[in-house]
């Protein structure tokens, strides 16, 4: 139960990081598509058809997918930001 609570606390931070990454002008194109797919997964109608599966994906799978998306996207965004700063200096 503690791991689930910790995962949900990290989810708020991950959402802020993802929002900031989406607002960057040099974000990868795949990040927008992956974010839209993640949003669709969060509001999919399957949650209404299978309530038990809906709870599992909302409380476990969705935060894990968000965490994976952010951890996969951050190195590329940081590298591009470092390149941009280096070219300005």
Protein backbone atom coordinates (compact mmCIF):
# COMPACT_ATOMS: atom_id res chain seq x y z
CA UNK A 1 0.00 0.00 0.00
CA UNK A 2 2.90 2.35 0.76
CA UNK A 3 4.32 1.77 -2.71
CA UNK A 4 0.99 2.69 -4.29
CA UNK A 5 0.80 5.92 -2.26
CA UNK A 6 4.39 6.76 -3.19
CA UNK A 7 3.63 6.07 -6.84
CA UNK A 8 0.69 8.47 -6.75
CA UNK A 9 2.84 11.17 -5.12
CA UNK A 10 5.37 10.79 -7.92
CA UNK A 11 2.57 10.98 -10.47
CA UNK A 12 1.88 14.62 -9.63
CA UNK A 13 5.52 15.50 -10.16
CA UNK A 14 5.64 13.48 -13.36
CA UNK A 15 2.59 15.33 -14.70
CA UNK A 16 4.29 18.67 -14.06
CA UNK A 17 7.48 17.49 -15.74
CA UNK A 18 5.52 16.17 -18.73
CA UNK A 19 3.60 19.44 -19.02
CA UNK A 20 6.86 21.41 -18.99
CA UNK A 21 8.37 19.06 -21.55
CA UNK A 22 5.38 19.45 -23.86
CA UNK A 23 5.73 23.22 -23.70
CA UNK A 24 9.38 23.12 -24.81
CA UNK A 25 9.93 24.16 -28.43
CA UNK A 26 12.51 21.41 -29.01
CA UNK A 27 10.44 18.53 -27.68
CA UNK A 28 10.51 15.26 -29.62
CA UNK A 29 7.54 14.77 -31.93
CA UNK A 30 6.80 11.35 -30.49
CA UNK A 31 6.25 12.90 -27.05
CA UNK A 32 3.07 14.64 -28.18
CA UNK A 33 1.70 11.44 -29.72
CA UNK A 34 2.60 9.37 -26.65
CA UNK A 35 0.95 11.94 -24.37
CA UNK A 36 -2.25 11.85 -26.43
CA UNK A 37 -2.27 8.06 -26.28
CA UNK A 38 -1.74 8.17 -22.53
CA UNK A 39 -4.62 10.63 -22.20
CA UNK A 40 -6.84 8.35 -24.27
CA UNK A 41 -5.83 5.41 -22.10
CA UNK A 42 -6.84 7.41 -19.01
CA UNK A 43 -10.33 8.24 -20.31
CA UNK A 44 -11.02 5.15 -22.37
CA UNK A 45 -14.55 3.74 -22.32
CA UNK A 46 -13.25 0.31 -21.33
CA UNK A 47 -13.26 1.58 -17.75
CA UNK A 48 -17.04 1.57 -17.82
CA UNK A 49 -17.32 -1.88 -19.39
CA UNK A 50 -14.99 -3.62 -16.93
CA UNK A 51 -15.00 -1.71 -13.63
CA UNK A 52 -12.37 -3.91 -11.98
CA UNK A 53 -9.93 -3.44 -14.85
CA UNK A 54 -10.68 0.27 -14.85
CA UNK A 55 -9.60 0.58 -11.23
CA UNK A 56 -6.44 -1.42 -11.84
CA UNK A 57 -5.37 0.65 -14.83
CA UNK A 58 -6.26 3.97 -13.19
CA UNK A 59 -4.41 3.31 -9.96
CA UNK A 60 -1.51 1.15 -11.13
CA UNK A 61 -0.93 1.07 -14.89
CA UNK A 62 -1.54 4.74 -15.62
CA UNK A 63 1.03 6.06 -13.10
CA UNK A 64 3.54 3.45 -14.25
CA UNK A 65 3.09 4.39 -17.90
CA UNK A 66 3.39 8.08 -17.05
CA UNK A 67 6.56 7.42 -15.07
CA UNK A 68 8.03 5.46 -17.95
CA UNK A 69 7.13 8.14 -20.48
CA UNK A 70 8.74 10.88 -18.42
CA UNK A 71 11.87 8.88 -17.67
CA UNK A 72 12.22 7.97 -21.36
CA UNK A 73 11.68 11.55 -22.60
CA UNK A 74 13.79 13.49 -20.11
CA UNK A 75 17.30 12.55 -21.30
CA UNK A 76 16.53 13.68 -24.84
CA UNK A 77 14.98 16.94 -23.69
CA UNK A 78 17.88 17.68 -21.37
CA UNK A 79 20.41 16.93 -24.12
CA UNK A 80 18.66 19.29 -26.55
CA UNK A 81 18.46 21.99 -23.90
CA UNK A 82 22.19 21.62 -23.18
CA UNK A 83 22.97 21.87 -26.90
CA UNK A 84 20.85 24.99 -27.20
CA UNK A 85 22.56 26.62 -24.21
CA UNK A 86 26.01 25.68 -25.56
CA UNK A 87 25.31 27.24 -28.95
CA UNK A 88 24.11 30.49 -27.35
CA UNK A 89 27.25 30.83 -25.21
